[in-house]
Protein backbone atom coordinates (compact mmCIF):
# COMPACT_ATOMS: atom_id res chain seq x y z
CA MET A 1 113.86 131.93 117.84
CA ALA A 2 110.47 131.01 118.98
CA PRO A 3 107.14 129.80 117.46
CA THR A 4 104.13 132.00 116.73
CA SER A 5 100.83 131.83 118.49
CA LYS A 6 99.31 129.80 115.65
CA ARG A 7 101.83 127.15 116.38
CA GLN A 8 100.88 126.75 119.91
CA LYS A 9 97.92 124.57 118.96
CA GLN A 10 100.10 122.28 116.90
CA ALA A 11 102.20 119.36 118.05
CA VAL A 12 105.73 120.47 118.80
CA PRO A 13 108.53 117.94 117.80
CA LEU A 14 109.78 115.95 120.85
CA ALA A 15 113.30 116.63 119.74
CA LEU A 16 112.71 120.33 119.91
CA ARG A 17 111.15 120.11 123.33
CA LEU A 18 114.11 118.09 124.66
CA PHE A 19 116.45 120.69 123.10
CA GLU A 20 114.66 123.51 124.78
CA VAL A 21 114.70 121.73 128.20
CA GLY A 22 118.42 121.03 127.65
CA VAL A 23 119.13 124.77 127.34
CA VAL A 24 116.70 126.18 129.86
CA VAL A 25 117.35 123.86 132.89
CA PRO A 26 121.21 124.25 132.87
CA THR A 27 121.08 127.96 132.16
CA ILE A 28 118.61 128.92 134.89
CA VAL A 29 120.10 126.52 137.53
CA GLY A 30 123.63 127.83 136.76
CA LEU A 31 122.63 131.46 137.05
CA VAL A 32 120.70 130.84 140.29
CA VAL A 33 123.50 128.84 141.86
CA PHE A 34 126.34 131.22 140.93
CA THR A 35 124.33 134.25 141.99
CA ILE A 36 123.72 132.71 145.48
CA GLN A 37 127.47 131.90 145.74
CA ASP A 38 128.62 135.32 144.68
CA PHE A 39 125.98 138.05 145.17
CA GLU A 40 128.44 140.90 145.64
CA PRO A 41 128.37 142.13 142.01
CA PHE A 42 124.69 142.58 142.28
CA ARG A 43 124.75 144.35 145.68
CA ALA A 44 127.51 146.75 144.50
CA ASP A 45 125.55 148.12 141.58
CA ALA A 46 121.96 146.98 142.07
CA GLU A 47 120.36 150.20 141.06
CA ASN A 48 122.05 150.47 137.68
CA LEU A 49 121.51 146.77 136.97
CA ILE A 50 117.83 147.26 137.53
CA ILE A 51 117.76 150.30 135.17
CA TRP A 52 119.68 148.41 132.53
CA THR A 53 117.18 145.58 132.84
CA ALA A 54 114.28 148.00 132.39
CA VAL A 55 116.01 149.57 129.42
CA VAL A 56 116.52 146.28 127.71
CA ALA A 57 112.90 145.30 128.28
CA LEU A 58 111.70 148.62 126.90
CA VAL A 59 113.68 148.31 123.73
CA GLU A 60 112.47 144.73 123.27
CA MET A 61 108.99 146.21 122.70
CA VAL A 62 109.92 147.06 119.07
CA PRO A 63 111.39 143.97 117.53
CA LEU A 64 111.99 143.56 113.72
CA PRO A 65 110.35 140.69 111.94
CA VAL A 66 112.80 138.84 109.78
CA TRP A 67 111.71 135.43 108.62
CA ARG A 68 108.85 132.91 109.48
CA GLY A 69 108.13 134.62 112.77
CA ILE A 70 111.76 135.05 113.69
CA VAL A 71 112.44 138.63 114.81
CA VAL A 72 115.52 140.79 115.30
CA SER A 73 115.55 142.77 118.48
CA LEU A 74 117.19 146.20 118.64
CA ALA A 75 118.36 145.61 122.27
CA MET A 76 121.65 144.08 121.24
CA PRO A 77 123.71 147.31 121.75
CA MET A 78 122.20 147.66 125.15
CA LEU A 79 123.09 144.04 126.11
CA MET A 80 126.53 144.41 124.65
CA ALA A 81 127.06 147.57 126.73
CA VAL A 82 125.95 145.59 129.83
CA ALA A 83 128.38 142.85 128.82
CA PHE A 84 131.30 145.34 128.67
CA LEU A 85 130.35 147.10 131.83
CA TYR A 86 129.73 144.12 134.08
CA THR A 87 131.08 140.69 134.53
CA PRO A 88 129.37 137.57 132.88
CA LEU A 89 127.13 136.64 135.82
CA PRO A 90 125.29 140.02 136.19
CA THR A 91 125.16 140.29 132.39
CA GLY A 92 123.46 136.92 132.16
CA VAL A 93 120.85 137.81 134.73
CA VAL A 94 120.08 141.15 133.14
CA ALA A 95 119.64 139.46 129.80
CA LEU A 96 117.51 136.74 131.16
CA VAL A 97 115.15 139.06 133.00
CA GLY A 98 115.25 141.90 130.52
CA SER A 99 114.72 140.03 127.34
CA PHE A 100 110.97 140.72 127.56
CA ASP A 101 108.59 139.69 124.80
CA PRO A 102 105.14 141.34 124.73
CA ARG A 103 103.72 138.10 123.31
CA GLU A 104 104.33 136.53 126.65
CA LEU A 105 101.68 138.78 128.20
CA ARG A 106 99.29 137.95 125.35
CA GLY A 107 99.57 134.28 126.04
CA GLU A 108 101.13 133.70 122.55
CA LEU A 109 104.21 131.86 124.03
CA ASP A 110 104.06 128.68 125.97
CA PRO A 111 106.21 128.87 129.24
CA LEU A 112 108.90 126.56 128.01
CA ARG A 113 109.34 128.47 124.72
CA ALA A 114 109.46 131.83 126.51
CA LEU A 115 112.12 130.53 128.90
CA PHE A 116 114.16 129.13 125.98
CA ASN A 117 114.01 132.52 124.28
CA ARG A 118 115.26 134.27 127.39
CA CYS A 119 117.93 131.68 128.14
CA GLN A 120 119.44 131.62 124.71
CA ILE A 121 119.76 135.39 124.91
CA ALA A 122 121.27 135.20 128.38
CA LEU A 123 123.84 132.62 127.18
CA SER A 124 124.71 134.82 124.23
CA ALA A 125 125.18 137.93 126.36
CA LEU A 126 127.10 135.85 129.07
CA GLY A 127 129.46 134.50 126.34
CA ALA A 128 130.01 138.00 125.02
CA SER A 129 130.85 139.35 128.37
CA PHE A 130 133.25 136.51 129.07
CA VAL A 131 135.19 137.00 125.87
CA PHE A 132 135.42 140.81 126.42
CA HIS A 133 136.73 140.63 130.00
CA GLU A 134 139.28 138.00 129.02
CA PHE A 135 141.07 140.62 126.88
CA ALA A 136 140.03 144.08 128.08
CA SER A 137 138.40 146.20 130.69
CA ILE A 138 136.02 149.16 129.97
CA ASN A 139 138.52 151.32 131.83
CA GLY A 140 142.29 151.48 131.53
CA THR A 141 142.54 149.48 128.27
CA ALA A 142 143.99 150.88 125.07
CA VAL A 143 141.45 151.81 122.42
CA ALA A 144 142.65 149.39 119.88
CA ILE A 145 142.39 146.54 122.36
CA LEU A 146 138.96 147.63 123.37
CA VAL A 147 137.67 147.62 119.86
CA LEU A 148 139.16 144.18 119.15
CA ALA A 149 137.74 142.84 122.31
CA ALA A 150 134.35 144.23 121.44
CA MET A 151 134.50 142.66 118.04
CA GLY A 152 135.35 139.31 119.61
CA ALA A 153 132.45 139.71 121.98
CA ALA A 154 130.08 140.44 119.18
CA ILE A 155 131.21 137.49 117.33
CA ALA A 156 130.81 135.19 120.40
CA ASP A 157 127.34 136.61 120.92
CA TYR A 158 126.31 135.87 117.38
CA VAL A 159 127.88 132.33 117.20
CA ILE A 160 126.00 131.28 120.34
CA ASN A 161 122.73 133.02 119.47
CA MET A 162 122.59 131.78 115.87
CA SER A 163 123.71 128.31 116.79
CA LEU A 164 120.86 127.85 119.26
CA VAL A 165 118.31 129.50 116.96
CA THR A 166 119.46 127.53 113.90
CA ILE A 167 119.25 124.21 115.71
CA GLY A 168 115.87 125.08 117.11
CA ALA A 169 114.40 126.26 113.75
CA SER A 170 115.82 123.25 111.98
CA LEU A 171 114.12 120.95 114.46
CA LEU A 172 110.83 122.89 114.22
CA TYR A 173 110.62 123.36 110.43
CA HIS A 174 112.47 120.11 109.42
CA ILE A 175 114.79 121.98 107.16
CA PRO A 176 118.55 121.94 106.82
CA PRO A 177 120.45 124.34 109.26
CA VAL A 178 122.23 125.89 106.25
CA ARG A 179 118.94 127.09 104.84
CA VAL A 180 117.89 128.59 108.24
CA ILE A 181 121.15 130.59 108.41
CA ARG A 182 120.70 131.80 104.79
CA GLU A 183 117.19 132.90 105.49
CA LEU A 184 118.12 134.80 108.76
CA LYS A 185 120.89 136.76 107.01
CA VAL A 186 119.78 140.29 106.06
CA GLY A 187 121.59 141.81 103.08
CA THR A 188 124.77 140.45 101.57
CA LEU A 189 127.27 138.59 103.59
CA SER A 190 129.67 141.55 103.79
CA GLU A 191 126.86 143.91 104.80
CA PHE A 192 125.67 141.61 107.39
CA VAL A 193 129.05 141.22 109.01
CA VAL A 194 129.78 144.86 108.96
CA SER A 195 126.39 145.70 110.47
CA PHE A 196 126.60 143.11 113.08
CA LEU A 197 130.18 144.14 114.23
CA GLY A 198 128.81 147.73 114.04
CA LEU A 199 126.20 146.97 116.64
CA GLY A 200 128.93 145.58 118.92
CA THR A 201 130.93 148.84 118.43
CA ALA A 202 127.81 150.78 119.21
CA GLY A 203 127.64 148.88 122.48
CA LEU A 204 131.22 149.66 123.29
CA LEU A 205 130.61 153.42 122.73
CA LEU A 206 127.43 153.27 124.77
CA ALA A 207 129.34 151.69 127.60
CA LYS A 208 132.15 154.29 127.37
CA PHE A 209 129.62 157.24 127.37
CA PHE A 210 127.86 155.58 130.36
CA ARG A 211 131.12 155.76 132.34
CA ILE A 212 131.55 159.54 131.75
CA GLU A 213 130.65 161.49 134.82
CA ASN A 214 127.17 163.26 134.69
CA VAL A 215 126.21 161.29 131.64
CA GLY A 216 125.28 157.77 132.71
CA PHE A 217 121.90 156.66 131.38
CA TRP A 218 121.50 159.89 129.40
CA ALA A 219 123.65 158.09 126.85
CA VAL A 220 120.99 155.54 126.16
CA PRO A 221 118.54 157.80 124.14
CA MET A 222 121.56 158.85 121.97
CA PHE A 223 121.84 155.26 120.87
CA VAL A 224 118.25 154.16 120.96
CA LEU A 225 116.89 156.89 118.48
CA PRO A 226 119.36 156.07 115.76
CA LEU A 227 118.48 152.37 116.27
CA LEU A 228 114.88 153.23 115.65
CA LEU A 229 115.82 154.82 112.34
CA ALA A 230 117.92 151.78 111.48
CA ARG A 231 114.88 149.62 112.17
CA GLN A 232 113.06 151.32 109.36
CA MET A 233 116.05 150.74 107.14
CA PHE A 234 116.04 147.08 108.12
CA TYR A 235 112.36 146.94 107.12
CA ARG A 236 113.11 148.33 103.75
CA THR A 237 116.12 145.98 103.11
CA ARG A 238 114.10 142.97 104.06
CA ALA A 239 111.13 144.05 102.07
CA LEU A 240 113.34 144.46 99.00
CA GLU A 241 114.85 141.02 99.54
CA GLN A 242 111.40 139.46 99.87
CA ALA A 243 110.18 141.26 96.76
CA HIS A 244 113.15 139.94 94.82
CA LYS A 245 112.56 136.44 96.05
CA GLU A 246 108.91 136.61 95.24
CA LEU A 247 109.72 137.84 91.76
CA GLN A 248 112.07 134.88 91.22
CA ASP A 249 109.40 132.43 92.54
CA ARG A 250 106.81 134.07 90.19
CA GLU A 251 109.24 133.79 87.24
CA GLN A 252 109.55 130.06 87.83
CA VAL A 253 105.79 129.72 88.27
CA LEU A 254 105.14 131.56 85.03
CA ARG A 255 107.65 129.33 83.33
CA ALA A 256 105.83 126.32 84.57
CA LEU A 257 102.47 127.75 83.61
CA SER A 258 103.81 128.52 80.05
CA ASN A 259 104.88 124.88 79.76
CA ARG A 260 101.46 123.69 81.01
CA MET A 261 99.65 125.92 78.56
CA ALA A 262 101.69 124.51 75.72
CA GLU A 263 100.77 121.02 76.95
CA GLU A 264 97.11 122.04 77.13
CA ARG A 265 97.16 123.33 73.53
CA GLN A 266 98.60 120.09 72.34
CA ASP A 267 95.93 118.24 74.27
CA GLU A 268 93.26 120.30 72.61
CA ARG A 269 94.75 119.65 69.13
CA GLU A 270 94.75 115.99 69.86
CA THR A 271 91.23 116.13 71.07
CA ILE A 272 90.09 117.87 67.96
CA ALA A 273 91.92 115.46 65.76
CA ALA A 274 90.37 112.48 67.57
CA TYR A 275 86.92 114.09 67.24
CA LEU A 276 87.36 114.66 63.50
CA HIS A 277 88.73 111.08 63.02
CA ASP A 278 86.19 109.20 65.24
CA ASP A 279 83.04 111.13 64.31
CA LEU A 280 83.16 113.34 61.17
CA ALA A 281 85.48 111.15 59.19
CA GLN A 282 83.19 108.09 59.86
CA LEU A 283 80.16 110.05 58.82
CA LEU A 284 81.79 111.38 55.65
CA PHE A 285 82.89 107.91 54.72
CA LYS A 286 79.39 106.55 55.25
CA LEU A 287 78.01 109.50 53.21
CA SER A 288 80.30 108.55 50.25
CA ILE A 289 79.23 104.88 50.35
CA GLN A 290 75.58 105.94 50.31
CA VAL A 291 76.15 108.26 47.34
CA ASP A 292 77.70 105.31 45.45
CA ILE A 293 74.76 103.06 46.33
CA ALA A 294 72.26 105.73 45.20
CA ARG A 295 74.15 106.01 41.85
CA ARG A 296 74.00 102.24 41.24
CA HIS A 297 70.32 102.11 42.08
CA LEU A 298 69.55 104.95 39.81
CA ALA A 299 71.58 103.43 36.95
CA ALA A 300 69.58 100.20 37.43
CA GLY A 301 66.27 101.99 37.41
CA LYS A 302 65.40 100.99 40.97
CA LEU A 303 63.70 104.26 41.81
CA PRO A 304 62.17 103.20 45.19
CA GLU A 305 65.55 101.97 46.44
CA THR A 306 67.11 105.27 45.15
CA GLU A 307 64.59 107.26 47.01
CA LYS A 308 65.28 105.42 50.18
CA THR A 309 69.02 105.85 49.87
CA LEU A 310 68.60 109.51 49.28
CA ASP A 311 66.69 109.72 52.63
CA ASP A 312 69.66 107.96 54.25
CA ILE A 313 71.98 110.49 52.64
CA ARG A 314 69.92 113.32 54.04
CA GLU A 315 69.98 111.80 57.52
CA THR A 316 73.65 111.27 57.48
CA LYS A 317 74.14 114.88 56.26
CA THR A 318 72.04 116.10 59.11
CA LYS A 319 74.10 114.08 61.56
CA THR A 320 77.27 115.47 60.15
CA ALA A 321 76.05 119.08 60.41
CA ASP A 322 74.89 118.37 64.02
CA ARG A 323 78.31 117.09 64.97
CA ILE A 324 80.09 119.99 63.35
CA ARG A 325 77.83 122.43 65.22
CA ALA A 326 78.49 120.43 68.52
CA LEU A 327 82.22 120.66 67.96
CA ILE A 328 81.99 124.47 67.38
CA ARG A 329 79.75 124.81 70.48
CA ASP A 330 82.11 122.79 72.66
CA LEU A 331 85.28 124.62 71.52
CA HIS A 332 83.39 127.87 71.92
CA ARG A 333 82.24 127.10 75.43
CA SER A 334 85.43 125.55 76.93
CA PRO A 335 89.01 124.89 76.06
CA LEU A 336 88.78 121.58 77.96
CA GLY A 337 87.93 119.81 74.78
CA ARG A 338 84.45 118.27 74.18
CA ALA A 339 83.79 117.96 77.85
CA GLY A 340 82.65 120.87 80.08
CA LEU A 341 84.31 121.63 83.39
CA ALA A 342 82.26 119.23 85.34
CA GLU A 343 82.68 116.34 82.94
CA ALA A 344 86.41 117.06 82.61
CA LEU A 345 86.87 117.11 86.41
CA GLU A 346 84.77 114.00 86.88
CA GLY A 347 86.73 112.18 84.20
CA PHE A 348 90.07 113.25 85.73
CA ILE A 349 89.04 112.22 89.21
CA ASP A 350 87.65 108.81 87.95
CA GLU A 351 90.87 108.08 86.20
CA THR A 352 92.94 109.21 89.21
CA ALA A 353 90.80 107.10 91.61
CA ARG A 354 91.41 103.91 89.61
CA GLU A 355 95.13 104.32 90.12
CA SER A 356 95.12 104.98 93.88
CA ASP A 357 93.55 103.84 97.13
CA VAL A 358 92.12 107.28 97.94
CA ARG A 359 88.38 107.71 98.09
CA PHE A 360 87.14 110.72 96.12
CA HIS A 361 83.90 112.59 96.88
CA THR A 362 82.73 115.06 94.24
CA ASP A 363 79.91 117.58 94.11
CA ILE A 364 80.48 119.54 90.89
CA ASP A 365 77.82 121.74 89.30
CA GLU A 366 77.85 122.43 85.59
CA ILE A 367 78.32 126.17 85.70
CA PRO A 368 78.74 128.14 82.50
CA LEU A 369 82.21 129.68 82.77
CA PRO A 370 84.29 131.57 80.24
CA PRO A 371 86.96 129.22 78.79
CA PRO A 372 89.90 130.85 80.54
CA ILE A 373 88.17 130.55 83.97
CA ALA A 374 87.08 127.06 83.39
CA LEU A 375 90.64 126.08 82.48
CA LEU A 376 91.97 127.81 85.70
CA VAL A 377 89.47 125.91 87.90
CA TYR A 378 90.28 122.74 86.23
CA HIS A 379 94.03 122.94 86.71
CA ILE A 380 93.68 124.35 90.28
CA ALA A 381 91.57 121.39 91.15
CA ARG A 382 93.99 118.97 89.32
CA GLU A 383 97.03 120.47 91.13
CA GLY A 384 95.24 120.21 94.51
CA VAL A 385 94.29 116.58 93.95
CA MET A 386 97.77 115.58 92.88
CA ASN A 387 99.24 117.45 95.88
CA ALA A 388 96.95 115.44 98.17
CA LEU A 389 97.91 112.12 96.59
CA LYS A 390 101.66 112.85 96.69
CA HIS A 391 102.03 114.61 100.04
CA ALA A 392 99.03 114.34 102.28
CA ASP A 393 98.77 110.58 102.80
CA ALA A 394 95.01 111.12 102.77
CA SER A 395 92.32 108.47 102.72
CA SER A 396 89.54 110.72 101.37
CA VAL A 397 89.57 113.75 99.14
CA TRP A 398 86.57 116.05 98.48
CA VAL A 399 86.14 118.29 95.44
CA THR A 400 83.27 120.66 95.11
CA VAL A 401 82.45 123.33 92.63
CA LYS A 402 79.38 125.41 93.55
CA GLN A 403 77.85 128.77 92.79
CA GLN A 404 77.09 130.67 95.99
CA GLY A 405 75.28 133.88 95.17
CA ASP A 406 77.55 136.05 93.12
CA ILE A 407 80.59 133.74 93.80
CA VAL A 408 81.77 130.50 92.09
CA VAL A 409 83.58 128.43 94.67
CA LEU A 410 86.01 125.60 94.23
CA THR A 411 86.84 123.68 97.44
CA LEU A 412 89.44 121.02 97.82
CA ARG A 413 89.63 119.12 101.09
CA ASP A 414 91.51 116.09 102.30
CA ASP A 415 91.77 114.21 105.64
CA GLY A 416 95.56 113.75 105.36
CA ALA A 417 98.48 114.59 107.52
CA GLY A 418 98.24 118.37 107.01
CA PHE A 419 101.09 120.80 107.51
CA ASP A 420 102.19 124.03 109.11
CA VAL A 421 101.16 126.73 106.57
CA GLU A 422 103.76 129.09 108.12
CA ALA A 423 106.66 126.68 107.78
CA PRO A 424 109.04 127.15 104.77
CA PRO A 425 107.80 125.06 101.80
CA PRO A 426 110.27 122.45 100.34
CA GLU A 427 112.70 124.06 97.90
CA GLY A 428 111.73 123.50 94.36
CA HIS A 429 108.07 122.78 94.99
CA PHE A 430 105.70 125.30 93.42
CA GLY A 431 102.37 123.49 93.49
CA LEU A 432 100.65 125.74 96.12
CA THR A 433 102.26 128.80 94.50
CA MET A 434 100.96 127.88 91.08
CA MET A 435 97.43 127.39 92.44
CA ARG A 436 97.50 130.69 94.10
CA GLU A 437 98.89 132.41 91.00
CA ARG A 438 96.13 130.80 88.85
CA ALA A 439 93.45 132.11 91.18
CA LEU A 440 94.88 135.68 91.19
CA VAL A 441 95.26 135.65 87.39
CA GLY A 442 91.56 134.86 87.12
CA GLY A 443 90.55 137.75 89.37
CA GLY A 444 89.83 135.33 92.21
CA THR A 445 90.90 134.70 95.74
CA TYR A 446 92.89 131.81 97.18
CA GLU A 447 92.61 130.53 100.85
CA LEU A 448 94.70 127.79 102.42
CA LYS A 449 93.88 126.17 105.82
CA SER A 450 95.90 123.35 107.27
CA GLU A 451 97.28 122.08 110.53
CA PRO A 452 99.37 119.04 111.19
CA GLY A 453 97.07 116.00 111.68
CA GLU A 454 94.00 117.85 110.59
CA GLY A 455 94.03 117.74 106.85
CA THR A 456 94.03 120.59 104.38
CA THR A 457 91.36 122.74 102.82
CA ILE A 458 91.88 125.00 99.71
CA THR A 459 89.12 127.37 98.74
CA VAL A 460 89.25 129.37 95.51
CA ARG A 461 86.55 131.97 94.73
CA PHE A 462 85.80 133.78 91.45
CA PRO A 463 83.22 136.57 91.35
CA THR A 464 80.35 136.02 88.92
CA SER A 465 80.35 139.73 88.06
CA TRP A 466 83.80 139.28 86.54
CA LEU A 467 82.54 136.16 84.71
CA GLN A 468 79.54 137.98 83.34
CA GLN A 469 81.81 140.58 81.83
CA GLN A 470 83.73 137.89 80.04
CA GLU A 471 80.61 136.38 78.35
CA PRO A 472 80.60 136.80 74.54
CA PRO A 473 77.96 139.00 73.00
CA PRO A 474 75.10 137.18 71.32
CA GLY A 475 76.13 135.71 67.99
CA GLY A 476 79.84 136.55 68.78
CA ALA A 477 82.79 134.41 69.60
CA ALA A 478 84.22 134.06 72.96
CA THR A 479 87.74 135.37 73.49
CA GLY A 480 89.70 133.46 75.44
CA ASP A 481 107.76 137.51 100.75
CA GLY A 482 122.10 146.71 102.97
CA GLY A 483 120.62 145.82 106.39
CA GLY A 484 122.21 144.61 109.47
CA PRO A 485 121.25 142.11 112.12
CA GLY A 486 120.29 142.72 115.68
CA THR A 487 118.86 140.07 118.05
CA ALA A 488 117.05 137.40 116.08
CA ARG A 489 113.95 135.76 117.48
CA SER A 490 111.60 133.33 115.97
CA PRO A 491 107.86 133.81 115.86
CA GLU A 492 107.67 133.96 119.45
CA GLY A 493 111.09 135.14 119.90
CA ASP A 494 113.75 136.80 121.78
CA PRO A 495 115.93 139.87 121.37
CA ALA A 496 118.52 140.52 118.76
CA PRO A 497 121.03 139.33 117.68
CA GLN A 498 119.86 136.70 120.12
CA SER A 499 117.44 134.42 118.35
CA VAL A 500 114.64 132.60 119.89
CA LEU A 501 112.87 129.43 118.76
CA ALA A 502 109.47 129.90 117.16
């Protein structure tokens, strides 16, 4: 498993670097020393070893993305065939040199990460060869023993590869190893095991065909072409799994949104009740008192006082009518209560600022928005502010709402710790997902930028052309991410089932 190019600019955990060095140095030093001590296996079959190295490198050109930049290489059957045909030392060297990653040429892998990817694959192939030759030989061994030995070699390859990848990914992403293993598994457990062992069996068949006279490397295309077809099946399986997971996440988001909407409606009802109690009820009570006073003045024959009281009654009636029209206008304009979007956001931020040490900077224009969009913008901003307070450890937060040409733009920015946007989010946290869903529901776009130590910026855009279509007509009311494994690599990874750290 290996990191993606985007991660090269980010600080890599020291523990991960130490782990990479701990794998790379012993592996390379060991292979070099043992090769110098025993060069005979290379001299005896140098031409074929060179061709196998080239074949492995060629197949490595078409890896299969699996999860968070980790990829599965289709070179596993080739490496398994090499492991069965040759002793562990030549196998390890072929795997080290042949586990080519095109991202190395594009400069997307730092040297240490590239070496780690190659070394962990070399160790996996070397372990597979050792296990196989402990129990069998490609020639002169009974078929049943050959198959069992090949299965054992495939298991050894997988255990070594996934152990190194899991440890590396856990250190890189700061997530439990169990979750890494779960994410790297393609299909159900039984499908995964059968497919993986099947690739080991394919390597055994390739090795046997290679040993047939006048066949040799002609056997390679017979196995590579079906693997390319299997690659497409891997894609489909992974795509279906990701779609299923996205649907599950969306279901939880929609459930949370539904709860939020219920809370918002309750807030609106309380706001209306408070408005009626604090404003209209007081005016109506005052009006009733004035009527009683006017009646007493009239009964006493005090006409001038009666006339003055009637003028007061008229003024109170006018105020009452104005308040009723204001309430209707506010509810018609925005479901945020009496306040518009700008006032509601300012009020929320002022209240939040009083309870925290974070400094808030706001630049919010009062833009006429349809009630549904105003509510979406408000809650996206609220969610972003709360995320910054809970997770960013920021000293300042900026909130802006502007109209730029035909676009209404909400920007949330903080100077906090930031995070790797490609790393897996904590399980059970849907804040960012809910913000994105709200933006998409409103016909807008959602953009997230963040890097460790460089803060976070969230930008949401809504087209004004969509907003204009939502404006009520004059005088009318407004309406309200079974397959089988190969070599796994991380974002800047290695071959399959060998994983590389991303």
